[in-house]
Protein backbone atom coordinates (compact mmCIF):
# COMPACT_ATOMS: atom_id res chain seq x y z
CA MET A 1 -28.10 -54.86 93.15
CA ARG A 2 -28.18 -58.50 94.27
CA PHE A 3 -29.90 -61.07 92.03
CA PRO A 4 -31.36 -64.32 93.31
CA HIS A 5 -29.04 -67.33 92.95
CA ARG A 6 -31.31 -68.90 90.35
CA PHE A 7 -30.49 -66.02 87.90
CA GLU A 8 -26.71 -66.17 88.30
CA PRO A 9 -26.17 -68.94 85.65
CA LEU A 10 -28.27 -66.93 83.19
CA LEU A 11 -26.28 -63.79 83.94
CA GLY A 12 -23.08 -65.74 83.37
CA LEU A 13 -24.29 -66.99 80.00
CA ALA A 14 -25.38 -63.50 79.02
CA LEU A 15 -21.96 -62.11 79.96
CA VAL A 16 -20.20 -64.81 77.92
CA ALA A 17 -22.49 -64.12 74.95
CA LEU A 18 -21.82 -60.39 75.21
CA ILE A 19 -18.05 -60.88 75.30
CA ALA A 20 -18.21 -63.36 72.40
CA THR A 21 -20.35 -60.98 70.32
CA ALA A 22 -17.95 -58.13 70.93
CA ALA A 23 -14.99 -60.32 70.00
CA LEU A 24 -16.68 -61.52 66.82
CA ARG A 25 -17.59 -57.94 65.87
CA THR A 26 -13.99 -56.82 66.39
CA HIS A 27 -12.70 -59.78 64.38
CA ALA A 28 -15.18 -59.10 61.57
CA GLN A 29 -14.14 -55.44 61.44
CA THR A 30 -10.47 -56.44 61.34
CA VAL A 31 -11.09 -58.93 58.52
CA SER A 32 -13.22 -56.40 56.63
CA GLN A 33 -10.50 -53.76 56.90
CA ALA A 34 -7.84 -56.23 55.78
CA VAL A 35 -9.91 -57.31 52.77
CA ALA A 36 -10.59 -53.71 51.83
CA GLN A 37 -6.90 -52.86 52.06
CA SER A 38 -5.84 -55.89 50.01
CA ALA A 39 -8.48 -55.16 47.36
CA ALA A 40 -7.59 -51.51 47.02
CA PRO A 41 -5.94 -50.59 43.69
CA ILE A 42 -2.24 -49.79 43.82
CA ASN A 43 -1.51 -46.53 42.03
CA SER A 44 1.89 -45.72 43.46
CA ALA A 45 3.72 -45.54 40.12
CA PRO A 46 4.13 -42.14 38.44
CA ASN A 47 1.29 -41.24 36.06
CA PRO A 48 2.65 -39.72 32.83
CA PHE A 49 -0.84 -38.74 31.68
CA ARG A 50 -3.16 -35.89 32.59
CA THR A 51 -6.93 -35.62 32.51
CA ILE A 52 -8.46 -33.08 30.13
CA GLU A 53 -12.05 -32.44 31.15
CA GLY A 54 -14.45 -31.77 28.29
CA PHE A 55 -11.89 -32.69 25.63
CA ALA A 56 -14.30 -34.07 23.02
CA LYS A 57 -16.83 -31.46 21.89
CA MET A 58 -20.23 -32.62 20.65
CA PRO A 59 -22.26 -30.65 18.09
CA GLU A 60 -24.68 -28.04 19.41
CA GLY A 61 -27.68 -29.71 21.04
CA ARG A 62 -26.22 -33.22 21.20
CA ILE A 63 -25.37 -34.81 24.53
CA TRP A 64 -23.00 -37.64 25.29
CA GLY A 65 -24.64 -41.03 25.66
CA SER A 66 -23.28 -44.40 26.67
CA THR A 67 -19.78 -44.50 25.19
CA ALA A 68 -19.06 -48.06 24.14
CA ALA A 69 -15.52 -47.94 22.75
CA VAL A 70 -12.62 -45.75 21.65
CA GLY A 71 -9.80 -46.24 19.16
CA ILE A 72 -6.68 -44.35 18.11
CA ASP A 73 -6.33 -43.28 14.48
CA PRO A 74 -3.07 -44.18 12.68
CA ASP A 75 -2.20 -40.46 12.72
CA GLY A 76 -1.49 -40.95 16.42
CA SER A 77 -3.56 -38.01 17.61
CA SER A 78 -7.15 -38.42 16.43
CA ILE A 79 -9.68 -40.38 18.50
CA TRP A 80 -12.50 -42.58 17.19
CA VAL A 81 -15.50 -43.19 19.43
CA ALA A 82 -18.46 -45.58 19.24
CA GLU A 83 -21.32 -43.89 21.09
CA ARG A 84 -24.86 -45.24 21.58
CA CYS A 85 -26.73 -42.31 20.07
CA ALA A 86 -27.19 -40.31 23.28
CA ALA A 87 -28.67 -43.29 25.17
CA GLN A 88 -28.15 -42.59 28.85
CA GLY A 89 -26.43 -45.44 30.67
CA PHE A 90 -26.36 -49.12 29.75
CA ILE A 91 -29.72 -50.14 28.29
CA PRO A 92 -29.92 -53.96 27.92
CA ALA A 93 -32.04 -55.96 25.50
CA SER A 94 -34.53 -56.71 28.28
CA GLN A 95 -35.64 -53.06 28.11
CA MET A 96 -36.37 -53.15 24.38
CA ARG A 97 -39.96 -52.09 23.66
CA GLU A 98 -41.82 -52.32 20.37
CA GLY A 99 -42.07 -48.99 18.60
CA GLN A 100 -39.63 -47.22 20.92
CA VAL A 101 -36.10 -46.01 20.23
CA PHE A 102 -33.58 -48.49 21.63
CA ASN A 103 -30.01 -47.23 21.87
CA CYS A 104 -29.20 -46.42 18.21
CA ASP A 105 -32.14 -48.23 16.63
CA GLY A 106 -34.74 -45.62 15.74
CA SER A 107 -32.29 -42.75 16.22
CA ASN A 108 -31.04 -40.47 13.44
CA LEU A 109 -27.75 -39.75 15.23
CA ASP A 110 -24.36 -40.95 13.96
CA PRO A 111 -22.78 -43.37 16.43
CA ILE A 112 -19.25 -43.39 14.95
CA LEU A 113 -17.40 -40.17 15.75
CA LYS A 114 -13.88 -38.90 15.05
CA PHE A 115 -12.28 -36.12 17.06
CA ASP A 116 -9.00 -34.40 16.19
CA ALA A 117 -6.21 -33.61 18.64
CA SER A 118 -8.04 -30.48 19.84
CA GLY A 119 -11.27 -32.39 20.54
CA LYS A 120 -13.08 -31.01 17.51
CA LEU A 121 -15.54 -33.38 15.84
CA VAL A 122 -14.27 -33.89 12.29
CA LYS A 123 -16.17 -36.97 11.11
CA ALA A 124 -19.44 -38.72 11.98
CA PHE A 125 -21.29 -41.55 10.28
CA GLY A 126 -23.30 -44.74 10.79
CA ALA A 127 -26.79 -43.35 11.44
CA GLY A 128 -29.49 -45.98 10.97
CA MET A 129 -27.00 -48.86 10.75
CA PHE A 130 -26.66 -49.97 14.37
CA VAL A 131 -28.71 -51.21 17.28
CA PHE A 132 -26.06 -51.46 20.00
CA PRO A 133 -22.48 -50.45 19.07
CA HIS A 134 -20.11 -52.32 21.33
CA GLY A 135 -16.52 -53.10 20.34
CA MET A 136 -14.26 -51.00 18.10
CA HIS A 137 -10.91 -51.48 16.40
CA VAL A 138 -8.93 -49.21 14.08
CA ASP A 139 -6.71 -51.34 11.84
CA PHE A 140 -3.26 -50.59 10.40
CA GLU A 141 -4.82 -49.09 7.26
CA GLY A 142 -7.07 -46.78 9.24
CA ASN A 143 -10.29 -48.73 8.66
CA ILE A 144 -12.80 -48.71 11.52
CA TRP A 145 -14.37 -51.96 12.70
CA VAL A 146 -17.42 -51.88 15.00
CA THR A 147 -19.44 -54.74 16.48
CA ASP A 148 -23.21 -54.47 16.86
CA GLY A 149 -24.02 -56.59 19.88
CA ILE A 150 -27.83 -56.81 19.95
CA GLY A 151 -30.23 -57.80 17.18
CA ARG A 152 -33.44 -55.96 16.34
CA GLY A 153 -35.29 -56.30 13.08
CA ALA A 154 -32.78 -56.49 10.24
CA LYS A 155 -29.88 -55.06 12.25
CA GLY A 156 -27.42 -56.30 14.84
CA HIS A 157 -25.32 -59.40 15.60
CA THR A 158 -22.84 -58.11 13.05
CA VAL A 159 -19.36 -56.64 12.59
CA HIS A 160 -19.07 -53.68 10.21
CA LYS A 161 -15.89 -52.46 8.52
CA PHE A 162 -15.78 -48.80 7.42
CA SER A 163 -13.23 -46.85 5.45
CA PRO A 164 -11.77 -43.77 7.17
CA ASP A 165 -14.29 -41.62 5.28
CA GLY A 166 -17.24 -43.72 6.49
CA ARG A 167 -17.93 -45.99 3.51
CA LEU A 168 -19.18 -49.45 4.48
CA LEU A 169 -16.63 -51.94 3.14
CA MET A 170 -17.68 -55.23 4.73
CA THR A 171 -20.26 -56.76 7.03
CA LEU A 172 -19.68 -60.05 8.86
CA GLY A 173 -22.61 -61.97 10.31
CA LYS A 174 -26.27 -62.12 9.33
CA PRO A 175 -27.99 -58.81 10.21
CA GLY A 176 -30.66 -59.31 12.85
CA LYS A 177 -30.09 -63.05 13.16
CA ALA A 178 -28.33 -64.59 16.14
CA GLY A 179 -26.64 -67.93 15.60
CA ALA A 180 -23.61 -70.13 16.14
CA GLY A 181 -22.91 -70.98 12.51
CA LEU A 182 -19.68 -70.22 10.69
CA ASP A 183 -21.14 -67.01 9.25
CA GLU A 184 -23.22 -65.98 12.28
CA PHE A 185 -22.71 -64.28 15.61
CA ASN A 186 -24.70 -64.02 18.80
CA ALA A 187 -23.88 -60.75 20.58
CA PRO A 188 -20.38 -60.07 19.18
CA SER A 189 -18.49 -58.02 21.75
CA SER A 190 -15.05 -57.33 20.30
CA VAL A 191 -12.98 -57.31 17.14
CA VAL A 192 -9.29 -56.94 16.29
CA VAL A 193 -7.39 -57.18 13.00
CA ALA A 194 -3.87 -58.59 12.62
CA ARG A 195 -1.19 -56.89 10.55
CA ASN A 196 -1.76 -59.39 7.72
CA GLY A 197 -5.47 -58.49 7.66
CA ASP A 198 -6.86 -61.57 9.42
CA ILE A 199 -9.94 -60.71 11.48
CA PHE A 200 -10.68 -61.98 14.99
CA VAL A 201 -14.14 -61.56 16.54
CA GLY A 202 -14.95 -62.11 20.22
CA ASP A 203 -18.41 -63.62 19.82
CA GLY A 204 -20.69 -63.55 22.86
CA HIS A 205 -21.81 -61.39 25.75
CA GLY A 206 -22.75 -63.83 28.51
CA GLY A 207 -26.02 -65.56 29.25
CA GLU A 208 -27.20 -67.82 26.43
CA THR A 209 -25.08 -66.10 23.76
CA ASN A 210 -21.93 -67.55 22.20
CA ALA A 211 -18.56 -67.84 23.92
CA ARG A 212 -15.88 -68.18 21.27
CA ILE A 213 -13.32 -66.51 19.04
CA VAL A 214 -14.02 -66.58 15.29
CA LYS A 215 -11.20 -66.00 12.79
CA PHE A 216 -11.67 -64.79 9.21
CA SER A 217 -9.33 -63.94 6.36
CA LYS A 218 -8.93 -60.31 5.32
CA ASP A 219 -11.65 -60.78 2.69
CA GLY A 220 -14.10 -62.13 5.26
CA LYS A 221 -13.81 -65.87 4.62
CA PHE A 222 -14.18 -68.12 7.65
CA ILE A 223 -10.93 -69.74 8.81
CA LYS A 224 -11.59 -71.26 12.22
CA THR A 225 -13.21 -70.86 15.61
CA TRP A 226 -12.20 -71.87 19.11
CA GLY A 227 -13.50 -71.74 22.64
CA LYS A 228 -16.69 -72.65 24.47
CA LYS A 229 -18.51 -71.43 27.54
CA GLY A 230 -16.72 -72.41 30.71
CA SER A 231 -13.90 -71.47 33.05
CA ASP A 232 -11.12 -73.87 32.03
CA PRO A 233 -8.09 -72.54 30.14
CA GLY A 234 -9.25 -71.69 26.62
CA ASP A 235 -12.90 -71.40 27.66
CA PHE A 236 -14.76 -68.10 27.73
CA ASP A 237 -17.60 -66.39 29.49
CA THR A 238 -17.93 -63.11 27.59
CA PRO A 239 -14.88 -62.43 25.37
CA HIS A 240 -15.50 -58.76 26.04
CA ALA A 241 -12.32 -57.12 24.73
CA MET A 242 -9.34 -58.08 22.59
CA ALA A 243 -5.94 -56.65 21.74
CA MET A 244 -2.89 -57.84 19.81
CA ASP A 245 0.71 -57.10 20.78
CA GLN A 246 3.70 -56.51 18.52
CA ARG A 247 4.46 -60.23 18.56
CA GLY A 248 1.02 -60.99 17.15
CA ARG A 249 -0.32 -62.61 20.31
CA LEU A 250 -4.03 -62.27 20.92
CA PHE A 251 -5.07 -61.03 24.37
CA VAL A 252 -8.70 -61.70 25.30
CA GLY A 253 -10.47 -60.01 28.19
CA ASP A 254 -12.62 -62.88 29.49
CA ARG A 255 -14.90 -60.69 31.57
CA ASN A 256 -17.11 -63.01 33.60
CA ASN A 257 -14.12 -65.23 34.36
CA ASN A 258 -12.20 -62.19 35.63
CA ARG A 259 -9.09 -62.91 33.61
CA ILE A 260 -7.05 -62.18 30.49
CA GLN A 261 -6.15 -65.11 28.27
CA ILE A 262 -3.38 -65.17 25.65
CA PHE A 263 -3.46 -67.12 22.39
CA ASP A 264 -1.45 -67.35 19.22
CA GLN A 265 -3.31 -66.60 16.01
CA ASP A 266 -4.20 -70.26 15.54
CA GLY A 267 -5.97 -70.38 18.89
CA LYS A 268 -3.23 -72.10 20.91
CA TYR A 269 -3.56 -71.13 24.55
CA THR A 270 -0.50 -69.59 26.20
CA PRO A 271 -0.34 -69.73 30.01
CA MET A 272 0.34 -66.41 31.70
CA PRO A 273 3.98 -66.13 32.86
């Protein structure tokens, strides 16, 4: 087919546009594939572990809910679990409704569970004490520490310490009251205890909550705090998880900043090697 001369420039432009579009599409696909490949996790090392489906066995009639945290008992084989009282999925504070059960608040289920090496439930406690179990730590003496990250009524914004048999030994924070004082928390996310008994709390869960580490003595007396919301070294935006190595260094999972920060027990920042 022969087109009039007046259409030939338009056909030329259309052809150029078509070629350019195809080239851009090819380039975009290449870049997308490269990004996907570079972002893929690398799991080439041997895995010494195996998955055991259905390991932990719940009592008859109880279903698993949102599992917030796990810890290893000093016996080396038993597992402690903080579970949100059969709540299905992550239910944030924005979905809290007056008069309705919210995670563990209003539930008669025990959120703190201990399973032996065979997966049998051997201990359960904590019913009526929590709103939103979040972080857990089992200390060197076998005590169980659990943070309660949302306040409702006279519960939440606290850190509870339990004996291995479920007795409440200590509560840090003011139940139901969010704050930034020396004896207050606002959405505490994590807790870890040093070998000498000093207590470290990762206080905050993003948004308008706190963004700091609070240190207490083993008897619950305030020692110091450090950190503020931000992205500079030593700042935090959700100190979501913590761990301590054999050298006593504090590792903080700074979730919204997508990083792990390392500190000594006085709060001195240590750059990653």
